[in-house]
Structures are given as C-alpha cells and as structure tokens.
Amino acid sequence: MTSESLALLLEAKRGGAVEQGKLLSLYSNYLKLLAQTQLDRRIRRRVSASDLVQETLLAAHRDFSDFRGVTTAEFVGWLRCILVHNLIRVTEKHLRTDKRDMRREVYIHRLHASIEQSNSRFEHVLVGRHESPSSELGRHERMRLLADAMAKLPKEHRQIILMRHIEGLPFAEIATQMDRTSGACRMLWLRAMDHLRVSLDGAEFE
C-alpha cells in the first residue's frame, strides 16, 4: 500500500504543482518540532520556529526540481538539510557569527549531528504503540502523523514531550526550565503522554 506522502511525492516528481504543495504542507508540523529543538535559545524571542519552517518550505518549493530522490526518506532528509541551512543563516545573522571563523565549521557539523539525533529520538516517541512494520515507508509516515498529533496538544504538554523525548533532557533540568518541581514535571509528562495517545487514536499507520 502506498502512503499518502509517497503518492504525492511521485506525482510532484511528475510535475504536479498541486501535489507538490500538499506534500510540503504534510511536513510542516514535523519540521516545526525539529526547529523548536535546534533554535538557539538566545534568539528565540527574535526568530520563531514557524518562520523558519515557512522559509524552509518556500525554499523547498523553489528548488524542488533539484531534488533527485524518489523515496519519502530521501525527501524528509532533504527537507532537514534545508532547515539546517536556515538555522545556520539566522544564527549567524542574529549572533553575528564570523563566517570565516573556524568554529563555524564545528557548529555546522554539530548542528547536523544534533538535528539527526533529535530526529532519531522523535522516531522512538510511543515506539511500543505501533512497532510494525518497520519499513522506511511506515516509519516516516508514523513520524509525520505523530508530529501532527503533537501539534494539537496544549503548549505545556507539547513542550515537556519535546524536552523529555526529543531533546533528551532529564527531569531535573526540565524542572529548572519550567520552574516546577521534578515531581510536578513527571506528573505533567504522564498526562502529556496520555493526551498524545488519545490524540493518536484513530490515526492510520502504515
């Protein structure tokens, strides 16, 4: 069975403009979650994750003819690369990073590694709920649906799932950032995960 995203990708590759637009919009929530975990905390008041995603989707639309892949895994990887490029650009702009500084190359390497790590962690949210099949097609479809479900959660629920599962933070650090006790954060996390499971009920996973 062909997933919605793969079907749209194949049609977009054949020149379907409408399908291309639908395809890109499918991944807006997924990209936003990644952007929220990677955007430098020092500039979050000046740059929003939503703006970064919008710029990423516009760039993907503009340069779609340059995409040579044929699978959803390749397409999602291409979108992540564009997102990383935009993250680097806004960081340099707002933190006045010297583009000739050798530390820039280290930062770029770390950012690529960090976003791939966040992506890997994202795959394991509720991993026990829909474990099969483990095909690339099913895995990327599940990630997209999970991102859409998380986008519907209350802000605090989404925030604690991001910090716990995507950023990989311990409860002690989460408590500091949320100005709560560790025990309160654990209770909030449990409620958030229950809410997420309810939101996923009825979703069709490959």
Protein backbone atom coordinates (compact mmCIF):
# COMPACT_ATOMS: atom_id res chain seq x y z
CA MET A 1 0.00 0.00 0.00
CA THR A 2 1.40 3.38 -0.98
CA SER A 3 1.29 6.06 1.70
CA GLU A 4 -0.25 9.46 1.10
CA SER A 5 3.15 11.17 1.26
CA LEU A 6 4.80 8.78 -1.20
CA ALA A 7 1.90 9.06 -3.64
CA LEU A 8 2.12 12.86 -3.50
CA LEU A 9 5.90 12.73 -3.92
CA LEU A 10 5.64 10.61 -7.05
CA GLU A 11 3.01 12.91 -8.54
CA ALA A 12 5.03 16.01 -7.62
CA LYS A 13 8.07 14.49 -9.32
CA ARG A 14 5.95 14.20 -12.48
CA GLY A 15 5.27 17.92 -12.35
CA GLY A 16 2.11 18.10 -10.27
CA ALA A 17 2.12 21.56 -8.69
CA VAL A 18 -0.93 20.89 -6.51
CA GLU A 19 0.57 17.63 -5.26
CA GLN A 20 3.85 19.39 -4.52
CA GLY A 21 2.06 21.95 -2.34
CA LYS A 22 0.16 19.25 -0.48
CA LEU A 23 3.34 17.23 0.00
CA LEU A 24 5.23 20.13 1.54
CA SER A 25 2.36 21.03 3.87
CA LEU A 26 2.31 17.46 5.22
CA TYR A 27 5.69 18.01 6.86
CA SER A 28 5.21 21.47 8.36
CA ASN A 29 4.48 20.18 11.88
CA TYR A 30 7.36 17.72 11.71
CA LEU A 31 9.82 20.44 10.69
CA LYS A 32 8.48 22.79 13.35
CA LEU A 33 9.18 20.26 16.10
CA LEU A 34 12.77 19.87 14.91
CA ALA A 35 13.21 23.64 14.58
CA GLN A 36 11.96 24.17 18.13
CA THR A 37 14.63 21.83 19.49
CA GLN A 38 17.50 23.33 17.48
CA LEU A 39 16.81 27.06 17.50
CA ASP A 40 19.39 28.81 19.71
CA ARG A 41 17.73 29.90 22.95
CA ARG A 42 19.43 33.29 22.73
CA ILE A 43 17.44 34.26 19.63
CA ARG A 44 14.08 32.58 20.21
CA ARG A 45 12.45 35.91 21.01
CA ARG A 46 13.54 37.28 17.65
CA VAL A 47 13.12 34.22 15.43
CA SER A 48 10.23 31.76 15.64
CA ALA A 49 10.24 28.12 14.64
CA SER A 50 7.19 28.84 12.48
CA ASP A 51 9.11 31.45 10.48
CA LEU A 52 11.98 29.01 9.94
CA VAL A 53 9.60 26.33 8.72
CA GLN A 54 7.89 28.76 6.36
CA GLU A 55 11.24 29.74 4.88
CA THR A 56 12.22 26.08 4.60
CA LEU A 57 9.03 25.15 2.75
CA LEU A 58 9.37 28.14 0.42
CA ALA A 59 12.95 27.12 -0.39
CA ALA A 60 11.87 23.52 -0.96
CA HIS A 61 9.12 24.70 -3.31
CA ARG A 62 11.55 26.94 -5.20
CA ASP A 63 14.24 24.27 -5.53
CA PHE A 64 12.04 21.18 -5.85
CA SER A 65 13.41 20.46 -9.33
CA ASP A 66 16.83 19.97 -7.71
CA PHE A 67 15.57 17.11 -5.55
CA ARG A 68 16.75 13.84 -7.10
CA GLY A 69 15.41 11.34 -4.59
CA VAL A 70 12.45 9.02 -5.08
CA THR A 71 11.56 7.94 -1.53
CA THR A 72 9.95 9.69 1.42
CA ALA A 73 13.10 9.02 3.47
CA GLU A 74 15.19 10.92 0.92
CA PHE A 75 12.65 13.72 0.73
CA VAL A 76 12.47 14.16 4.50
CA GLY A 77 16.26 14.14 4.68
CA TRP A 78 16.37 16.85 2.00
CA LEU A 79 13.91 18.98 3.98
CA ARG A 80 16.05 18.60 7.10
CA CYS A 81 19.12 19.81 5.18
CA ILE A 82 17.25 22.94 4.09
CA LEU A 83 16.13 23.51 7.67
CA VAL A 84 19.72 23.23 8.90
CA HIS A 85 20.82 25.78 6.29
CA ASN A 86 18.17 28.22 7.55
CA LEU A 87 19.13 27.62 11.18
CA ILE A 88 22.75 28.43 10.37
CA ARG A 89 21.74 31.57 8.48
CA VAL A 90 19.59 33.04 11.25
CA THR A 91 22.14 32.16 13.91
CA GLU A 92 24.89 33.96 12.01
CA LYS A 93 22.64 36.94 11.43
CA HIS A 94 21.45 37.42 15.00
CA LEU A 95 24.54 36.32 16.89
CA ARG A 96 26.92 37.99 14.44
CA THR A 97 28.94 34.83 13.91
CA ASP A 98 32.02 35.37 11.75
CA LYS A 99 31.51 33.27 8.62
CA ARG A 100 35.29 32.90 8.32
CA ASP A 101 35.66 31.65 11.88
CA MET A 102 36.79 28.01 12.01
CA ARG A 103 34.33 27.49 14.84
CA ARG A 104 31.57 27.92 12.27
CA GLU A 105 32.51 24.60 10.64
CA VAL A 106 32.39 22.93 14.04
CA TYR A 107 28.97 24.50 14.69
CA ILE A 108 27.62 23.32 11.32
CA HIS A 109 28.85 19.78 11.95
CA ARG A 110 27.32 19.75 15.43
CA LEU A 111 24.02 21.14 14.19
CA HIS A 112 23.72 18.45 11.52
CA ALA A 113 24.51 15.79 14.14
CA SER A 114 22.11 17.32 16.66
CA ILE A 115 19.17 17.50 14.28
CA GLU A 116 19.73 13.90 13.18
CA GLN A 117 19.85 12.87 16.84
CA SER A 118 16.60 14.74 17.52
CA ASN A 119 15.06 13.03 14.50
CA SER A 120 16.18 9.63 15.79
CA ARG A 121 14.71 10.33 19.23
CA PHE A 122 11.49 11.52 17.63
CA GLU A 123 11.13 8.13 15.95
CA HIS A 124 11.01 6.46 19.37
CA VAL A 125 8.21 8.50 20.93
CA LEU A 126 5.49 5.94 21.71
CA VAL A 127 7.64 3.34 19.95
CA GLY A 128 5.80 0.50 21.67
CA ARG A 129 2.44 1.62 20.29
CA HIS A 130 2.94 0.99 16.57
CA GLU A 131 6.06 -1.12 16.18
CA SER A 132 5.33 -2.91 12.92
CA PRO A 133 6.04 -2.93 10.14
CA SER A 134 9.47 -1.34 10.43
CA SER A 135 9.76 -0.36 6.77
CA GLU A 136 11.12 3.05 5.82
CA LEU A 137 7.74 3.92 4.33
CA GLY A 138 5.82 3.11 7.51
CA ARG A 139 8.39 4.73 9.78
CA HIS A 140 8.31 8.11 8.06
CA GLU A 141 4.54 8.05 7.81
CA ARG A 142 4.30 7.41 11.56
CA MET A 143 6.68 10.29 12.28
CA ARG A 144 4.55 12.67 10.23
CA LEU A 145 1.32 11.59 11.91
CA LEU A 146 2.95 11.82 15.33
CA ALA A 147 4.09 15.39 14.60
CA ASP A 148 0.56 16.32 13.55
CA ALA A 149 -0.85 14.82 16.76
CA MET A 150 1.68 16.69 18.91
CA ALA A 151 0.78 19.97 17.19
CA LYS A 152 -2.75 19.60 18.60
CA LEU A 153 -1.58 19.21 22.21
CA PRO A 154 -1.68 22.05 24.77
CA LYS A 155 1.55 24.04 24.77
CA GLU A 156 2.84 22.67 28.10
CA HIS A 157 2.17 19.08 27.05
CA ARG A 158 3.97 19.58 23.75
CA GLN A 159 6.82 21.37 25.48
CA ILE A 160 7.52 18.64 28.02
CA ILE A 161 7.38 15.86 25.41
CA LEU A 162 9.85 17.82 23.28
CA MET A 163 12.24 18.37 26.18
CA ARG A 164 11.98 14.82 27.50
CA HIS A 165 11.91 12.79 24.27
CA ILE A 166 13.39 14.98 21.54
CA GLU A 167 15.98 16.98 23.46
CA GLY A 168 16.62 14.08 25.81
CA LEU A 169 16.66 16.22 28.97
CA PRO A 170 16.47 14.70 32.47
CA PHE A 171 13.53 15.70 34.66
CA ALA A 172 15.79 17.77 36.89
CA GLU A 173 16.74 20.04 34.00
CA ILE A 174 13.18 20.14 32.71
CA ALA A 175 12.05 21.23 36.18
CA THR A 176 14.53 24.11 36.11
CA GLN A 177 13.40 25.30 32.69
CA MET A 178 9.70 25.00 33.50
CA ASP A 179 10.07 26.40 37.03
CA ARG A 180 8.42 23.35 38.58
CA THR A 181 9.49 20.54 40.86
CA SER A 182 10.76 17.31 39.33
CA GLY A 183 7.72 15.51 40.71
CA ALA A 184 5.34 18.02 39.11
CA CYS A 185 7.17 17.63 35.79
CA ARG A 186 6.84 13.85 35.94
CA MET A 187 3.10 14.17 36.52
CA LEU A 188 2.79 16.67 33.69
CA TRP A 189 4.76 14.34 31.41
CA LEU A 190 2.48 11.40 32.24
CA ARG A 191 -0.61 13.49 31.44
CA ALA A 192 1.01 14.74 28.24
CA MET A 193 1.80 11.21 27.06
CA ASP A 194 -1.74 10.06 27.85
CA HIS A 195 -3.08 13.03 25.91
CA LEU A 196 -0.83 12.19 22.98
CA ARG A 197 -2.01 8.58 22.93
CA VAL A 198 -5.62 9.75 22.85
CA SER A 199 -4.79 12.16 20.02
CA LEU A 200 -3.30 9.30 18.04
CA ASP A 201 -6.35 7.07 18.41
CA GLY A 202 -7.89 6.54 15.02
CA ALA A 203 -4.74 7.54 13.11
CA GLU A 204 -3.95 5.13 10.29
CA PHE A 205 -0.38 3.93 10.49
CA GLU A 206 1.29 2.07 7.67
